[in-house]
Amino acid sequence: MVKSKMVNRGKTWVGFVVGMLMLFGCGLTRDVVHITTLSEKEPFSDLGEKERAKIAEIKKARKMQKDQGLENVIQQTRNLTVRQYLSQYKNVNKSEAYDYKVGGYDVIDITIFEEPDLSRQNIRVTGEGYISFPFIGRLYVENKTTTEIAKLIESRLAEGQFILDAHVSVDVREYRSKQYMVLGAVEDPGTYSLQGQEKVLDAISKAGGIDFEEGTNEGMIIRTVNNNMDNEHKITIRIDFAELLKGSSPESNLLLMNNDLLYVPEVEYFYIIGEVKKPGSYPYNKKDISLVEAISIAGGFTQISARNRTRIVRLEEGREKIITVKVDAITDAGRKAQDVLIRAGDVVVVPESFF
């Protein structure tokens, strides 16, 4: 009986201790990370003058960079993954559904197998989309495939009783009517002629390849849909270049279209200022960089750092936020799950200790 009471009291005491530890632990959880949304009237009032000046300098530099880039265009267009794009625009990436269509300033060769003397090379399509051919005269070929042009010539030759059963072949000698651009972190950015059924990897090759030290793994195609129509609009198709180049995402090797812009964004940065051994800017070139990892990249804390007043200054939804993190509570107590993930453009501030 006495033993039973002692066991019960022991269980009660253990339960009490566990409960207190859980309560205490919850309190620590709430205190590890504290987020403050700054008002427009008193921005960064919780930071020192030196810190505020450095953050203002970083913000100014980032704004200039964004003003020169395509960020505004990308933000204003509808963004789709490759899978979403292919599901919404059926057959658009099938070669048989997207034969090259001749346009103004292209140069074509026409072969008449029954009458070789009628064959012509280096025929330039006019800006209005016409060519001239013996016996037929002017022929409108704008926006027609080479197969369609060949059949049209066969039909006109038969209608004029020149060759009743002609066999005609049309080939594009020079592609000049359609273009695409490759911009960003590539060796040779610029404008390129769209030659037949070119794909993303063809464009990257033409541009000399991706500079992965300066560029991100994710790129995009900014594409004009329903060109020259009332409902013309742009969309952004996001592509994981790393997966595409490894061969694990072949569907991302999309067929290119006229006026496409293939963009490889340059690497963004996060910044660490204050009491770390190597303050500065660091490339945000991989996902899931945590605060503790970021500080490690910067060489770790100095001896006079206020580790538990480490701050992340972040622009989110147009508003500045300060995320205060007690780093010791994460590292010493093994609370890795409470570590904060860094985002591109974040400024990590490690203040000096008062003691």
Protein backbone atom coordinates (compact mmCIF):
# COMPACT_ATOMS: atom_id res chain seq x y z
CA MET A 1 0.00 0.00 0.00
CA VAL A 2 2.79 2.37 0.99
CA LYS A 3 4.73 1.34 -2.08
CA SER A 4 1.72 2.07 -4.29
CA LYS A 5 1.37 5.58 -2.79
CA MET A 6 5.06 6.23 -3.38
CA VAL A 7 4.77 5.13 -7.01
CA ASN A 8 1.74 7.37 -7.52
CA ARG A 9 3.52 10.31 -5.89
CA GLY A 10 6.54 9.62 -8.12
CA LYS A 11 4.36 9.63 -11.22
CA THR A 12 2.72 12.85 -10.07
CA TRP A 13 6.11 14.49 -9.49
CA VAL A 14 7.42 13.33 -12.90
CA GLY A 15 4.26 14.64 -14.55
CA PHE A 16 4.67 17.97 -12.76
CA VAL A 17 8.30 18.27 -13.87
CA VAL A 18 7.50 17.32 -17.48
CA GLY A 19 4.66 19.81 -17.53
CA MET A 20 6.87 22.58 -16.20
CA LEU A 21 9.57 21.75 -18.72
CA MET A 22 7.04 21.82 -21.56
CA LEU A 23 5.68 25.14 -20.31
CA PHE A 24 9.19 26.52 -19.94
CA GLY A 25 10.11 25.16 -23.35
CA CYS A 26 7.09 26.84 -24.92
CA GLY A 27 8.17 30.07 -23.40
CA LEU A 28 11.60 29.67 -24.95
CA THR A 29 10.01 28.88 -28.29
CA ARG A 30 8.08 32.10 -28.27
CA ASP A 31 11.16 34.11 -27.30
CA VAL A 32 13.63 32.67 -29.81
CA VAL A 33 12.22 34.60 -32.78
CA HIS A 34 10.45 37.93 -32.53
CA ILE A 35 9.08 39.76 -35.59
CA THR A 36 8.43 43.50 -35.71
CA THR A 37 6.73 45.17 -38.67
CA LEU A 38 8.12 48.68 -39.04
CA SER A 39 5.90 51.70 -39.45
CA GLU A 40 6.62 54.17 -42.24
CA LYS A 41 6.99 56.98 -39.73
CA GLU A 42 9.76 55.38 -37.69
CA PRO A 43 11.67 52.97 -39.93
CA PHE A 44 14.53 51.11 -38.24
CA SER A 45 14.08 53.04 -34.98
CA ASP A 46 15.29 49.94 -33.15
CA LEU A 47 18.62 49.89 -35.00
CA GLY A 48 21.74 51.99 -34.55
CA GLU A 49 22.64 54.92 -36.80
CA LYS A 50 25.51 53.03 -38.43
CA GLU A 51 23.28 50.05 -39.11
CA ARG A 52 20.52 52.21 -40.57
CA ALA A 53 22.99 53.96 -42.89
CA LYS A 54 24.35 50.65 -44.17
CA ILE A 55 20.87 49.24 -44.75
CA ALA A 56 19.87 52.39 -46.66
CA GLU A 57 22.95 51.98 -48.86
CA ILE A 58 22.10 48.34 -49.60
CA LYS A 59 18.47 49.20 -50.39
CA LYS A 60 19.55 51.94 -52.80
CA ALA A 61 21.91 49.60 -54.63
CA ARG A 62 19.25 46.89 -54.89
CA LYS A 63 16.68 49.37 -56.22
CA MET A 64 19.06 50.50 -58.96
CA GLN A 65 19.68 46.88 -59.89
CA LYS A 66 15.97 46.08 -60.06
CA ASP A 67 15.19 49.22 -62.07
CA GLN A 68 17.63 48.04 -64.73
CA GLY A 69 16.26 44.50 -64.84
CA LEU A 70 13.10 42.69 -65.87
CA GLU A 71 11.64 42.25 -62.39
CA ASN A 72 8.70 44.59 -63.01
CA VAL A 73 7.76 42.82 -66.24
CA ILE A 74 8.00 39.43 -64.55
CA GLN A 75 5.92 40.54 -61.57
CA GLN A 76 3.20 41.95 -63.83
CA THR A 77 2.84 38.82 -65.95
CA ARG A 78 1.22 35.54 -65.08
CA ASN A 79 3.89 33.10 -63.85
CA LEU A 80 3.59 29.39 -64.70
CA THR A 81 5.73 26.34 -64.12
CA VAL A 82 6.58 24.25 -67.18
CA ARG A 83 4.04 21.65 -66.12
CA GLN A 84 1.30 24.26 -65.70
CA TYR A 85 2.13 25.78 -69.07
CA LEU A 86 2.01 22.49 -70.93
CA SER A 87 -1.28 21.52 -69.28
CA GLN A 88 -2.93 24.81 -70.24
CA TYR A 89 -1.49 25.16 -73.74
CA LYS A 90 -2.04 21.74 -75.29
CA ASN A 91 0.31 20.43 -78.00
CA VAL A 92 2.36 23.65 -77.99
CA ASN A 93 5.59 21.75 -77.37
CA LYS A 94 5.04 19.07 -80.00
CA SER A 95 7.26 19.49 -83.05
CA GLU A 96 4.57 18.42 -85.49
CA ALA A 97 2.26 21.13 -84.14
CA TYR A 98 4.82 23.90 -84.52
CA ASP A 99 6.48 23.77 -87.94
CA TYR A 100 8.48 26.85 -88.81
CA LYS A 101 6.42 29.45 -90.70
CA VAL A 102 8.16 31.60 -93.26
CA GLY A 103 8.08 35.36 -92.84
CA GLY A 104 9.41 38.60 -94.26
CA TYR A 105 13.15 38.74 -95.06
CA ASP A 106 13.61 34.96 -94.86
CA VAL A 107 15.57 33.47 -97.79
CA ILE A 108 14.27 30.25 -99.33
CA ASP A 109 15.25 27.70 -101.99
CA ILE A 110 12.61 26.18 -104.32
CA THR A 111 13.28 22.94 -106.20
CA ILE A 112 11.05 21.69 -109.05
CA PHE A 113 12.05 18.06 -109.59
CA GLU A 114 10.34 17.70 -112.99
CA GLU A 115 11.87 20.93 -114.36
CA PRO A 116 15.25 21.68 -112.75
CA ASP A 117 15.61 24.84 -114.84
CA LEU A 118 12.66 26.31 -112.96
CA SER A 119 14.30 25.73 -109.57
CA ARG A 120 15.41 28.86 -107.78
CA GLN A 121 17.78 29.55 -104.89
CA ASN A 122 18.22 32.55 -102.62
CA ILE A 123 14.68 33.85 -103.03
CA ARG A 124 14.18 36.64 -100.52
CA VAL A 125 10.72 37.04 -99.01
CA THR A 126 9.68 40.68 -99.07
CA GLY A 127 8.76 42.55 -95.92
CA GLU A 128 5.13 42.21 -96.98
CA GLY A 129 5.47 38.43 -97.25
CA TYR A 130 5.66 37.91 -101.06
CA ILE A 131 8.00 36.06 -103.44
CA SER A 132 8.15 36.03 -107.23
CA PHE A 133 8.33 32.79 -109.19
CA PRO A 134 8.39 32.01 -112.95
CA PHE A 135 4.98 31.53 -114.60
CA ILE A 136 3.23 32.19 -111.29
CA GLY A 137 4.28 35.76 -110.55
CA ARG A 138 3.83 37.15 -107.03
CA LEU A 139 2.97 34.60 -104.39
CA TYR A 140 2.01 35.36 -100.79
CA VAL A 141 3.93 33.03 -98.46
CA GLU A 142 3.84 34.91 -95.15
CA ASN A 143 3.05 32.66 -92.15
CA LYS A 144 3.09 29.48 -94.25
CA THR A 145 5.24 26.41 -93.60
CA THR A 146 7.64 25.19 -96.29
CA THR A 147 5.30 22.27 -96.95
CA GLU A 148 2.35 24.64 -97.45
CA ILE A 149 4.39 26.83 -99.82
CA ALA A 150 5.43 23.77 -101.85
CA LYS A 151 1.81 22.62 -102.21
CA LEU A 152 0.75 26.16 -103.18
CA ILE A 153 3.36 26.28 -105.96
CA GLU A 154 2.31 22.80 -107.18
CA SER A 155 -1.31 23.95 -107.28
CA ARG A 156 -0.53 27.18 -109.19
CA LEU A 157 1.65 25.36 -111.73
CA ALA A 158 -1.19 22.89 -112.35
CA GLU A 159 -3.83 25.65 -112.61
CA GLY A 160 -1.79 27.41 -115.30
CA GLN A 161 -1.27 24.15 -117.20
CA PHE A 162 2.52 24.58 -116.84
CA ILE A 163 3.25 21.36 -114.94
CA LEU A 164 0.26 19.19 -114.15
CA ASP A 165 1.83 16.92 -111.55
CA ALA A 166 4.81 18.84 -110.18
CA HIS A 167 6.78 17.78 -107.14
CA VAL A 168 8.13 20.79 -105.29
CA SER A 169 10.48 21.11 -102.32
CA VAL A 170 10.97 24.33 -100.32
CA ASP A 171 13.80 24.87 -97.84
CA VAL A 172 14.71 27.85 -95.73
CA ARG A 173 18.27 28.96 -96.49
CA GLU A 174 18.41 31.95 -94.13
CA TYR A 175 16.19 32.54 -91.10
CA ARG A 176 15.63 36.26 -90.67
CA SER A 177 11.95 36.88 -89.94
CA LYS A 178 11.76 35.61 -86.37
CA GLN A 179 13.96 36.29 -83.40
CA TYR A 180 14.38 35.60 -79.73
CA MET A 181 16.56 37.15 -77.03
CA VAL A 182 18.79 35.58 -74.40
CA LEU A 183 19.61 37.88 -71.50
CA GLY A 184 21.17 37.66 -68.06
CA ALA A 185 23.96 35.43 -66.81
CA VAL A 186 25.08 33.88 -70.11
CA GLU A 187 28.41 34.24 -71.89
CA ASP A 188 27.03 36.00 -74.98
CA PRO A 189 23.64 37.66 -74.34
CA GLY A 190 21.84 39.13 -77.35
CA THR A 191 19.28 38.64 -80.10
CA TYR A 192 19.29 35.49 -82.20
CA SER A 193 17.40 34.37 -85.31
CA LEU A 194 14.87 31.65 -84.65
CA GLN A 195 15.91 28.79 -86.91
CA GLY A 196 13.29 26.14 -87.36
CA GLN A 197 12.30 24.21 -84.28
CA GLU A 198 14.88 25.52 -81.84
CA LYS A 199 14.54 24.75 -78.15
CA VAL A 200 15.74 26.18 -74.87
CA LEU A 201 18.98 24.17 -74.87
CA ASP A 202 19.73 25.38 -78.41
CA ALA A 203 19.37 28.97 -77.26
CA ILE A 204 21.61 28.42 -74.23
CA SER A 205 24.24 26.86 -76.49
CA LYS A 206 24.09 29.77 -78.93
CA ALA A 207 24.53 32.19 -76.04
CA GLY A 208 27.68 30.39 -74.89
CA GLY A 209 26.15 28.61 -71.90
CA ILE A 210 25.04 29.71 -68.45
CA ASP A 211 27.51 31.28 -66.04
CA PHE A 212 26.37 29.48 -62.88
CA GLU A 213 28.70 31.56 -60.72
CA GLU A 214 26.76 34.67 -61.68
CA GLY A 215 23.40 33.13 -62.56
CA THR A 216 20.68 31.33 -60.68
CA ASN A 217 19.49 27.79 -61.30
CA GLU A 218 16.01 29.03 -62.13
CA GLY A 219 15.38 30.96 -65.32
CA MET A 220 12.35 31.85 -67.35
CA ILE A 221 10.87 32.44 -70.77
CA ILE A 222 8.85 35.63 -71.14
CA ARG A 223 6.49 34.76 -73.98
CA THR A 224 3.94 36.74 -75.99
CA VAL A 225 0.69 34.81 -76.39
CA ASN A 226 -1.77 35.57 -79.23
CA ASN A 227 0.69 37.89 -80.95
CA ASN A 228 -0.90 40.82 -82.90
CA MET A 229 -4.39 39.92 -81.65
CA ASP A 230 -6.79 41.82 -79.43
CA ASN A 231 -6.13 39.43 -76.55
CA GLU A 232 -2.33 39.57 -76.85
CA HIS A 233 -0.59 39.21 -73.50
CA LYS A 234 2.63 37.99 -71.94
CA ILE A 235 3.25 35.07 -69.65
CA THR A 236 6.34 33.95 -67.73
CA ILE A 237 7.32 30.28 -67.83
CA ARG A 238 9.75 29.33 -65.06
CA ILE A 239 12.42 26.73 -65.85
CA ASP A 240 14.82 24.89 -63.54
CA PHE A 241 18.01 25.03 -65.61
CA ALA A 242 19.93 22.75 -63.27
CA GLU A 243 17.36 19.97 -63.70
CA LEU A 244 17.14 20.58 -67.46
CA LEU A 245 20.91 20.40 -67.96
CA LYS A 246 21.10 17.21 -65.88
CA GLY A 247 18.50 15.63 -68.17
CA SER A 248 16.00 15.02 -65.38
CA SER A 249 13.44 17.50 -66.76
CA PRO A 250 13.28 17.00 -70.56
CA GLU A 251 9.83 18.61 -70.75
CA SER A 252 11.48 21.91 -69.78
CA ASN A 253 13.32 21.99 -73.11
CA LEU A 254 10.49 23.97 -74.65
CA LEU A 255 10.23 24.92 -78.29
CA LEU A 256 11.06 28.59 -78.76
CA MET A 257 8.65 31.03 -80.37
CA ASN A 258 8.99 34.35 -82.11
CA ASN A 259 9.81 37.22 -79.72
CA ASP A 260 10.58 34.89 -76.80
CA LEU A 261 12.90 36.28 -74.15
CA LEU A 262 14.96 33.63 -72.38
CA TYR A 263 16.21 35.15 -69.14
CA VAL A 264 18.82 33.78 -66.74
CA PRO A 265 18.61 36.03 -63.66
CA GLU A 266 21.85 37.00 -62.04
CA VAL A 267 22.44 35.67 -58.56
CA GLU A 268 20.84 37.72 -55.82
CA TYR A 269 22.59 38.38 -52.54
CA PHE A 270 21.97 38.50 -48.84
CA TYR A 271 24.01 40.77 -46.62
CA ILE A 272 25.64 40.42 -43.21
CA ILE A 273 26.81 43.51 -41.36
CA GLY A 274 28.07 44.11 -37.85
CA GLU A 275 29.96 41.80 -35.51
CA VAL A 276 30.87 38.86 -37.72
CA LYS A 277 34.37 38.00 -38.87
CA LYS A 278 33.67 38.50 -42.59
CA PRO A 279 30.83 41.01 -43.08
CA GLY A 280 29.70 41.63 -46.65
CA SER A 281 27.41 40.39 -49.40
CA TYR A 282 26.98 36.70 -50.15
CA PRO A 283 25.37 35.02 -53.18
CA TYR A 284 21.97 33.52 -52.58
CA ASN A 285 22.57 30.68 -55.01
CA LYS A 286 20.86 27.83 -53.23
CA LYS A 287 17.65 27.25 -51.34
CA ASP A 288 17.21 26.87 -47.60
CA ILE A 289 20.13 28.91 -46.26
CA SER A 290 19.43 29.30 -42.56
CA LEU A 291 20.49 32.17 -40.33
CA VAL A 292 22.98 30.01 -38.43
CA GLU A 293 24.44 28.78 -41.73
CA ALA A 294 24.65 32.36 -43.04
CA ILE A 295 26.59 33.46 -39.97
CA SER A 296 28.90 30.49 -40.45
CA ILE A 297 29.48 31.54 -44.07
CA ALA A 298 30.49 34.98 -42.74
CA GLY A 299 33.12 33.39 -40.49
CA GLY A 300 31.04 33.28 -37.32
CA PHE A 301 30.48 35.83 -34.56
CA THR A 302 33.19 38.10 -33.18
CA GLN A 303 33.95 38.06 -29.45
CA ILE A 304 32.02 41.29 -28.87
CA SER A 305 28.87 40.29 -30.75
CA ALA A 306 25.44 40.39 -29.18
CA ARG A 307 24.49 36.97 -30.50
CA ASN A 308 20.99 36.98 -29.02
CA ARG A 309 20.12 40.34 -30.57
CA THR A 310 20.87 39.20 -34.11
CA ARG A 311 18.39 40.76 -36.54
CA ILE A 312 17.21 40.07 -40.04
CA VAL A 313 15.89 43.12 -41.92
CA ARG A 314 13.48 41.97 -44.62
CA LEU A 315 11.21 43.62 -47.18
CA GLU A 316 7.99 41.60 -47.31
CA GLU A 317 4.82 42.58 -49.15
CA GLY A 318 6.05 46.13 -49.44
CA ARG A 319 6.75 46.54 -45.72
CA GLU A 320 9.97 46.36 -43.75
CA LYS A 321 10.22 43.74 -41.02
CA ILE A 322 12.81 43.17 -38.34
CA ILE A 323 13.19 39.55 -37.23
CA THR A 324 15.10 39.36 -33.95
CA VAL A 325 16.62 35.95 -33.26
CA LYS A 326 18.26 34.55 -30.13
CA VAL A 327 20.90 32.52 -31.89
CA ASP A 328 22.22 30.91 -28.70
CA ALA A 329 18.78 29.48 -28.01
CA ILE A 330 19.01 27.71 -31.37
CA THR A 331 22.59 26.49 -31.27
CA ASP A 332 23.09 25.75 -27.57
CA ALA A 333 19.71 24.11 -27.03
CA GLY A 334 19.75 22.27 -30.36
CA ARG A 335 16.62 24.02 -31.62
CA LYS A 336 17.49 23.69 -35.31
CA ALA A 337 13.82 23.61 -36.26
CA GLN A 338 13.49 27.19 -35.03
CA ASP A 339 16.33 28.47 -37.22
CA VAL A 340 15.13 31.16 -39.64
CA LEU A 341 15.59 30.70 -43.38
CA ILE A 342 17.32 33.55 -45.17
CA ARG A 343 15.76 35.12 -48.26
CA ALA A 344 17.41 36.93 -51.13
CA GLY A 345 17.88 40.58 -50.20
CA ASP A 346 17.81 39.98 -46.44
CA VAL A 347 20.19 42.05 -44.33
CA VAL A 348 21.50 40.25 -41.25
CA VAL A 349 22.59 42.68 -38.53
CA VAL A 350 24.77 41.45 -35.66
CA PRO A 351 25.07 44.29 -33.12
CA GLU A 352 27.88 44.85 -30.65
CA SER A 353 27.39 43.62 -27.12
CA PHE A 354 27.02 46.28 -24.41
CA PHE A 355 29.12 44.22 -22.02
